Amino acid sequence: MSPTFFDSIPAYLAACAIVVAAQVVYVLFGFGSGLVLVGLLALVVPDLRDVVVLVLLVNVPAELFVVVRSRRWIRWNGVAAIGLGVAVGIPLGTWILRVGDLTLLLGSLGVALLLIAVAFLRLDDGFRVEPPWWTAPPTGLLSGVLTGLFGTGGPPLIVYYRLSGLTKAGFRGNLMAIFLLMTCVRVPAYLVGGLLTWPRVSAGLAVLPAVAVGAFVGHRIHVDIPERTFRRWIALGLFAIGILLLARTI
């Protein structure tokens, strides 16, 4: 195991199991991989930088797969507008990270997500609000700020596309398209910053079989799950993110 940063066979196998679970979640919903991977891989990989780079690398195949499969449902103009907001928001979030009260911010975001999740659970299945075109950049801006602050930029996008009333394929496809754009920016940045070292890249290659298994299982569940159940699981996912953010304030 020396070419990678895994220091033993058991650590590698544990990482593979975590990657399978994370990719099932990611390909099923279009979000949640980072929460699973960062939270659990830290238990077997001591260096957080190794974890962050591995998360980036293992998500690339899933993002490419879903974007290709869901391309007919992706609203590319909206994705581009949100992407512009994200590009502005990430540096702003990074600045706030240096000067802001993170405990208050985390707690407020956690409470907001819990309330939104409860509202989504109570909404009628046919509820739909088509967001005006001008709401896309602010949504991306907020997502970028949260990415810069906490590495958790998904919630605004989840709310935006859930309110749009998209089908499960459209919901997942649009989210993955945005995350793929973020990846296209982050990979060169990591390369220039010296973060894409050979041990980290080889670790990503080593867990590719686990990525494939998780993606296959997640896609099969996504195909078979009823639309109503999918929407309820989205609400529960938001609820779980809210709980995790509140837990970080304790």
Foldseek 3Di string as FASTA:
>chain_A
DVLAQQPDPVLLVQLLVLLLVLLLVCLQQVDDSLVSQQVPNCVSRVDSLLSVLLSLLLCQVSLVVLLVVLVVLAPVLLLVLLLVLLVVQQVVLLVCLVPPDLLVVLLVLLVVLQVVLVVLLPDDLPQADQDPSVVSSVLSNQLNNCCNNPVGSPPSLLSNVVNHSDFSSNSNNHSSVNVNVVSVVVVVVCVVVVSPDSNSVVSSVSSNVSSVNSNVNSNVCNVPPDRVVSSNVSSVVSNVSSVVSNVVSD
